[in-house]
Amino acid sequence: IREFQNKYPNEKIFLQNYDHNQLKRQLVNGDCDLILTTQDDIADLKVAKYQELIKGRFCALVPKNNDLSQMNLIDPEDLKNQSLILLDNNWCPPEQLRLQEIIRKENYSKNISYVNNVDTANIMCKSALGITIGPSFVLGKENEFVNPIPLKYDVNLSYGSAFLNTNQKAQIKHFN
């Protein structure tokens, strides 16, 4: 973003969090030129092009005071009696929603909190209120509070930008 702003100082960059449906509406309505999203979230959006920026996989973000934080790989079944922090349906991309449903069905304690953004999930996890899941490129790195551990769930994730097919601005190509 810094590099882009240096090259195009007259272009306005504004970052905003929207749920997935609102985000797509913003793009389709022309309220923004580009959105950052997962590939599976815009697969049904025929008016948009997608450019991959990063790949990843699902991880569990585990508080360091939890025994699971010492594991190298977590099976969704390992989460069955844990306190979980999951994204609500409006904020959850399709593939993560499928994974969350698998985990939710395995969770016998049903000690699940639903949040409406990733930052809240991460703060709750760092506060040792439970385990959250998400893409490796979103959850971040190990720190003094949490350990991200890959999930045994064989799905490759793609995160990138989407823009309207009709948008021919050179700035879009440069940003990507």
C-alpha atoms as a PDB file:
ATOM      1  CA  ILE A   1       0.000   0.000   0.000  1.00  0.00           C
ATOM      2  CA  ARG A   2       2.849   2.371   0.851  1.00  0.00           C
ATOM      3  CA  GLU A   3       4.559   1.679  -2.478  1.00  0.00           C
ATOM      4  CA  PHE A   4       1.301   2.269  -4.359  1.00  0.00           C
ATOM      5  CA  GLN A   5       0.609   5.529  -2.493  1.00  0.00           C
ATOM      6  CA  ASN A   6       4.119   6.782  -3.306  1.00  0.00           C
ATOM      7  CA  LYS A   7       3.588   6.114  -7.008  1.00  0.00           C
ATOM      8  CA  TYR A   8       0.009   7.458  -7.081  1.00  0.00           C
ATOM      9  CA  PRO A   9      -0.118  10.187  -4.411  1.00  0.00           C
ATOM     10  CA  ASN A  10      -3.398  11.584  -5.782  1.00  0.00           C
ATOM     11  CA  GLU A  11      -5.228   8.258  -5.460  1.00  0.00           C
ATOM     12  CA  LYS A  12      -7.187   7.826  -2.266  1.00  0.00           C
ATOM     13  CA  ILE A  13      -6.714   4.581  -0.376  1.00  0.00           C
ATOM     14  CA  PHE A  14      -9.360   3.834   2.183  1.00  0.00           C
ATOM     15  CA  LEU A  15      -9.471   0.556   4.093  1.00  0.00           C
ATOM     16  CA  GLN A  16     -12.801  -0.595   5.470  1.00  0.00           C
ATOM     17  CA  ASN A  17     -14.110  -3.837   6.967  1.00  0.00           C
ATOM     18  CA  TYR A  18     -17.368  -5.143   5.547  1.00  0.00           C
ATOM     19  CA  ASP A  19     -19.013  -8.507   5.838  1.00  0.00           C
ATOM     20  CA  HIS A  20     -18.621 -10.603   2.698  1.00  0.00           C
ATOM     21  CA  ASN A  21     -21.959  -9.710   1.147  1.00  0.00           C
ATOM     22  CA  GLN A  22     -21.495  -5.978   1.755  1.00  0.00           C
ATOM     23  CA  LEU A  23     -17.960  -6.176   0.383  1.00  0.00           C
ATOM     24  CA  LYS A  24     -19.150  -7.671  -2.895  1.00  0.00           C
ATOM     25  CA  ARG A  25     -21.960  -5.088  -3.131  1.00  0.00           C
ATOM     26  CA  GLN A  26     -19.430  -2.283  -2.677  1.00  0.00           C
ATOM     27  CA  LEU A  27     -17.465  -3.619  -5.629  1.00  0.00           C
ATOM     28  CA  VAL A  28     -20.437  -4.314  -7.927  1.00  0.00           C
ATOM     29  CA  ASN A  29     -21.997  -0.908  -7.175  1.00  0.00           C
ATOM     30  CA  GLY A  30     -18.743   0.834  -8.066  1.00  0.00           C
ATOM     31  CA  ASP A  31     -18.289   2.211  -4.556  1.00  0.00           C
ATOM     32  CA  CYS A  32     -14.727   0.899  -4.622  1.00  0.00           C
ATOM     33  CA  ASP A  33     -12.300  -0.131  -7.339  1.00  0.00           C
ATOM     34  CA  LEU A  34     -10.796  -3.157  -5.635  1.00  0.00           C
ATOM     35  CA  ILE A  35     -11.500  -5.472  -2.726  1.00  0.00           C
ATOM     36  CA  LEU A  36      -9.248  -7.867  -0.858  1.00  0.00           C
ATOM     37  CA  THR A  37     -10.942 -11.206  -0.365  1.00  0.00           C
ATOM     38  CA  THR A  38     -10.676 -14.967  -0.639  1.00  0.00           C
ATOM     39  CA  GLN A  39     -11.078 -16.565  -4.049  1.00  0.00           C
ATOM     40  CA  ASP A  40     -13.927 -18.797  -2.896  1.00  0.00           C
ATOM     41  CA  ASP A  41     -15.881 -15.767  -1.702  1.00  0.00           C
ATOM     42  CA  ILE A  42     -16.142 -14.216  -5.151  1.00  0.00           C
ATOM     43  CA  ALA A  43     -16.348 -17.403  -7.215  1.00  0.00           C
ATOM     44  CA  ASP A  44     -19.994 -16.603  -8.037  1.00  0.00           C
ATOM     45  CA  LEU A  45     -19.252 -12.993  -9.013  1.00  0.00           C
ATOM     46  CA  LYS A  46     -19.029 -13.185 -12.818  1.00  0.00           C
ATOM     47  CA  VAL A  47     -18.524  -9.412 -13.236  1.00  0.00           C
ATOM     48  CA  ALA A  48     -15.204  -9.494 -11.375  1.00  0.00           C
ATOM     49  CA  LYS A  49     -11.669 -10.642 -12.041  1.00  0.00           C
ATOM     50  CA  TYR A  50      -9.595 -12.153  -9.269  1.00  0.00           C
ATOM     51  CA  GLN A  51      -5.832 -11.933  -8.844  1.00  0.00           C
ATOM     52  CA  GLU A  52      -4.164 -14.119  -6.261  1.00  0.00           C
ATOM     53  CA  LEU A  53      -1.756 -12.326  -3.954  1.00  0.00           C
ATOM     54  CA  ILE A  54      -1.010 -15.038  -1.381  1.00  0.00           C
ATOM     55  CA  LYS A  55      -1.705 -18.722  -0.660  1.00  0.00           C
ATOM     56  CA  GLY A  56      -2.213 -20.374   2.670  1.00  0.00           C
ATOM     57  CA  ARG A  57      -3.969 -23.043   4.678  1.00  0.00           C
ATOM     58  CA  PHE A  58      -6.216 -23.199   7.707  1.00  0.00           C
ATOM     59  CA  CYS A  59      -4.688 -22.935  11.165  1.00  0.00           C
ATOM     60  CA  ALA A  60      -5.919 -22.954  14.720  1.00  0.00           C
ATOM     61  CA  LEU A  61      -4.768 -20.028  16.815  1.00  0.00           C
ATOM     62  CA  VAL A  62      -4.244 -21.564  20.248  1.00  0.00           C
ATOM     63  CA  PRO A  63      -3.561 -19.714  23.515  1.00  0.00           C
ATOM     64  CA  LYS A  64      -0.202 -20.747  24.949  1.00  0.00           C
ATOM     65  CA  ASN A  65      -1.828 -21.860  28.211  1.00  0.00           C
ATOM     66  CA  ASN A  66      -3.749 -24.563  26.285  1.00  0.00           C
ATOM     67  CA  ASP A  67      -2.150 -28.033  25.932  1.00  0.00           C
ATOM     68  CA  LEU A  68      -2.975 -28.039  22.205  1.00  0.00           C
ATOM     69  CA  SER A  69      -0.493 -25.173  21.706  1.00  0.00           C
ATOM     70  CA  GLN A  70       2.337 -27.746  21.818  1.00  0.00           C
ATOM     71  CA  MET A  71       1.026 -29.766  18.866  1.00  0.00           C
ATOM     72  CA  ASN A  72       2.485 -29.609  15.349  1.00  0.00           C
ATOM     73  CA  LEU A  73      -0.790 -30.402  13.584  1.00  0.00           C
ATOM     74  CA  ILE A  74      -4.343 -30.247  14.903  1.00  0.00           C
ATOM     75  CA  ASP A  75      -7.119 -32.482  13.664  1.00  0.00           C
ATOM     76  CA  PRO A  76     -10.545 -30.791  13.763  1.00  0.00           C
ATOM     77  CA  GLU A  77     -11.587 -33.606  16.119  1.00  0.00           C
ATOM     78  CA  ASP A  78      -8.964 -32.389  18.643  1.00  0.00           C
ATOM     79  CA  LEU A  79     -11.117 -29.284  19.138  1.00  0.00           C
ATOM     80  CA  LYS A  80     -14.174 -31.219  20.321  1.00  0.00           C
ATOM     81  CA  ASN A  81     -14.098 -30.165  23.996  1.00  0.00           C
ATOM     82  CA  GLN A  82     -12.462 -26.773  23.583  1.00  0.00           C
ATOM     83  CA  SER A  83     -13.801 -23.256  23.947  1.00  0.00           C
ATOM     84  CA  LEU A  84     -14.024 -21.962  20.395  1.00  0.00           C
ATOM     85  CA  ILE A  85     -14.206 -18.521  18.841  1.00  0.00           C
ATOM     86  CA  LEU A  86     -15.681 -18.725  15.340  1.00  0.00           C
ATOM     87  CA  LEU A  87     -16.677 -16.161  12.741  1.00  0.00           C
ATOM     88  CA  ASP A  88     -20.391 -15.634  12.276  1.00  0.00           C
ATOM     89  CA  ASN A  89     -21.923 -16.567   8.918  1.00  0.00           C
ATOM     90  CA  ASN A  90     -21.846 -13.035   7.496  1.00  0.00           C
ATOM     91  CA  TRP A  91     -18.118 -12.628   8.094  1.00  0.00           C
ATOM     92  CA  CYS A  92     -17.005 -16.097   7.151  1.00  0.00           C
ATOM     93  CA  PRO A  93     -15.866 -17.041   3.629  1.00  0.00           C
ATOM     94  CA  PRO A  94     -17.496 -20.207   2.210  1.00  0.00           C
ATOM     95  CA  GLU A  95     -14.612 -22.642   2.755  1.00  0.00           C
ATOM     96  CA  GLN A  96     -14.053 -21.480   6.327  1.00  0.00           C
ATOM     97  CA  LEU A  97     -17.781 -21.796   6.968  1.00  0.00           C
ATOM     98  CA  ARG A  98     -17.619 -25.457   5.832  1.00  0.00           C
ATOM     99  CA  LEU A  99     -14.689 -26.104   8.161  1.00  0.00           C
ATOM    100  CA  GLN A 100     -16.407 -24.348  11.058  1.00  0.00           C
ATOM    101  CA  GLU A 101     -19.486 -26.506  10.548  1.00  0.00           C
ATOM    102  CA  ILE A 102     -17.339 -29.670  10.743  1.00  0.00           C
ATOM    103  CA  ILE A 103     -15.709 -28.399  13.944  1.00  0.00           C
ATOM    104  CA  ARG A 104     -19.021 -27.238  15.433  1.00  0.00           C
ATOM    105  CA  LYS A 105     -20.543 -30.706  14.934  1.00  0.00           C
ATOM    106  CA  GLU A 106     -17.537 -32.279  16.706  1.00  0.00           C
ATOM    107  CA  ASN A 107     -17.645 -29.856  19.642  1.00  0.00           C
ATOM    108  CA  TYR A 108     -19.522 -31.707  22.344  1.00  0.00           C
ATOM    109  CA  SER A 109     -19.301 -28.923  24.908  1.00  0.00           C
ATOM    110  CA  LYS A 110     -20.865 -26.393  22.513  1.00  0.00           C
ATOM    111  CA  ASN A 111     -18.784 -23.713  24.206  1.00  0.00           C
ATOM    112  CA  ILE A 112     -18.679 -21.577  21.066  1.00  0.00           C
ATOM    113  CA  SER A 113     -18.596 -17.804  20.745  1.00  0.00           C
ATOM    114  CA  TYR A 114     -19.362 -16.179  17.397  1.00  0.00           C
ATOM    115  CA  VAL A 115     -17.708 -12.895  16.460  1.00  0.00           C
ATOM    116  CA  ASN A 116     -18.136 -10.542  13.534  1.00  0.00           C
ATOM    117  CA  ASN A 117     -14.519  -9.934  12.596  1.00  0.00           C
ATOM    118  CA  VAL A 118     -11.086 -11.516  12.658  1.00  0.00           C
ATOM    119  CA  ASP A 119      -9.561  -8.879  14.940  1.00  0.00           C
ATOM    120  CA  THR A 120     -12.098  -9.659  17.672  1.00  0.00           C
ATOM    121  CA  ALA A 121     -11.415 -13.396  17.328  1.00  0.00           C
ATOM    122  CA  ASN A 122      -7.666 -12.780  17.625  1.00  0.00           C
ATOM    123  CA  ILE A 123      -8.024 -10.511  20.672  1.00  0.00           C
ATOM    124  CA  MET A 124     -10.263 -13.058  22.407  1.00  0.00           C
ATOM    125  CA  CYS A 125      -7.796 -15.835  21.620  1.00  0.00           C
ATOM    126  CA  LYS A 126      -4.829 -13.788  22.874  1.00  0.00           C
ATOM    127  CA  SER A 127      -6.856 -13.216  26.045  1.00  0.00           C
ATOM    128  CA  ALA A 128      -7.069 -17.023  26.477  1.00  0.00           C
ATOM    129  CA  LEU A 129     -10.855 -17.085  25.983  1.00  0.00           C
ATOM    130  CA  GLY A 130     -10.672 -19.870  23.413  1.00  0.00           C
ATOM    131  CA  ILE A 131      -9.244 -21.162  20.164  1.00  0.00           C
ATOM    132  CA  THR A 132     -10.024 -19.558  16.836  1.00  0.00           C
ATOM    133  CA  ILE A 133      -9.438 -20.818  13.314  1.00  0.00           C
ATOM    134  CA  GLY A 134      -8.648 -19.060  10.087  1.00  0.00           C
ATOM    135  CA  PRO A 135      -6.268 -18.790   7.162  1.00  0.00           C
ATOM    136  CA  SER A 136      -2.567 -18.788   8.027  1.00  0.00           C
ATOM    137  CA  PHE A 137      -2.102 -15.451   6.240  1.00  0.00           C
ATOM    138  CA  VAL A 138      -4.742 -13.833   8.466  1.00  0.00           C
ATOM    139  CA  LEU A 139      -3.942 -15.271  11.894  1.00  0.00           C
ATOM    140  CA  GLY A 140      -0.334 -14.192  11.970  1.00  0.00           C
ATOM    141  CA  LYS A 141       2.698 -15.599  13.719  1.00  0.00           C
ATOM    142  CA  GLU A 142       3.457 -17.082  17.085  1.00  0.00           C
ATOM    143  CA  ASN A 143       3.818 -14.539  19.860  1.00  0.00           C
ATOM    144  CA  GLU A 144       3.938 -14.552  23.656  1.00  0.00           C
ATOM    145  CA  PHE A 145       0.184 -15.275  23.896  1.00  0.00           C
ATOM    146  CA  VAL A 146      -0.727 -17.646  21.042  1.00  0.00           C
ATOM    147  CA  ASN A 147       0.614 -20.292  18.709  1.00  0.00           C
ATOM    148  CA  PRO A 148      -0.810 -20.790  15.194  1.00  0.00           C
ATOM    149  CA  ILE A 149      -0.909 -24.507  14.375  1.00  0.00           C
ATOM    150  CA  PRO A 150      -1.837 -25.969  10.969  1.00  0.00           C
ATOM    151  CA  LEU A 151      -5.142 -27.817  10.831  1.00  0.00           C
ATOM    152  CA  LYS A 152      -5.443 -31.254   9.294  1.00  0.00           C
ATOM    153  CA  TYR A 153      -7.840 -30.030   6.623  1.00  0.00           C
ATOM    154  CA  ASP A 154      -6.535 -30.381   3.099  1.00  0.00           C
ATOM    155  CA  VAL A 155      -7.733 -27.210   1.439  1.00  0.00           C
ATOM    156  CA  ASN A 156      -5.479 -24.665  -0.201  1.00  0.00           C
ATOM    157  CA  LEU A 157      -6.607 -21.109   0.325  1.00  0.00           C
ATOM    158  CA  SER A 158      -6.150 -18.184  -2.000  1.00  0.00           C
ATOM    159  CA  TYR A 159      -6.329 -14.563  -0.920  1.00  0.00           C
ATOM    160  CA  GLY A 160      -6.168 -11.748  -3.393  1.00  0.00           C
ATOM    161  CA  SER A 161      -7.829  -8.800  -4.988  1.00  0.00           C
ATOM    162  CA  ALA A 162     -10.994  -8.588  -7.017  1.00  0.00           C
ATOM    163  CA  PHE A 163     -12.001  -5.794  -9.358  1.00  0.00           C
ATOM    164  CA  LEU A 164     -14.698  -5.328 -11.971  1.00  0.00           C
ATOM    165  CA  ASN A 165     -14.011  -6.759 -15.443  1.00  0.00           C
ATOM    166  CA  THR A 166     -14.826  -3.330 -16.860  1.00  0.00           C
ATOM    167  CA  ASN A 167     -12.279  -1.505 -14.670  1.00  0.00           C
ATOM    168  CA  GLN A 168      -9.300  -0.743 -16.917  1.00  0.00           C
ATOM    169  CA  LYS A 169      -7.468   1.648 -14.575  1.00  0.00           C
ATOM    170  CA  ALA A 170      -3.706   1.246 -14.727  1.00  0.00           C
ATOM    171  CA  GLN A 171      -3.617   1.828 -10.968  1.00  0.00           C
ATOM    172  CA  ILE A 172      -5.453  -1.455 -10.379  1.00  0.00           C
ATOM    173  CA  LYS A 173      -2.798  -3.398 -12.289  1.00  0.00           C
ATOM    174  CA  HIS A 174      -0.021  -1.594 -10.439  1.00  0.00           C
ATOM    175  CA  PHE A 175      -1.620  -2.218  -7.039  1.00  0.00           C
ATOM    176  CA  ASN A 176      -1.797  -5.935  -7.769  1.00  0.00           C
END
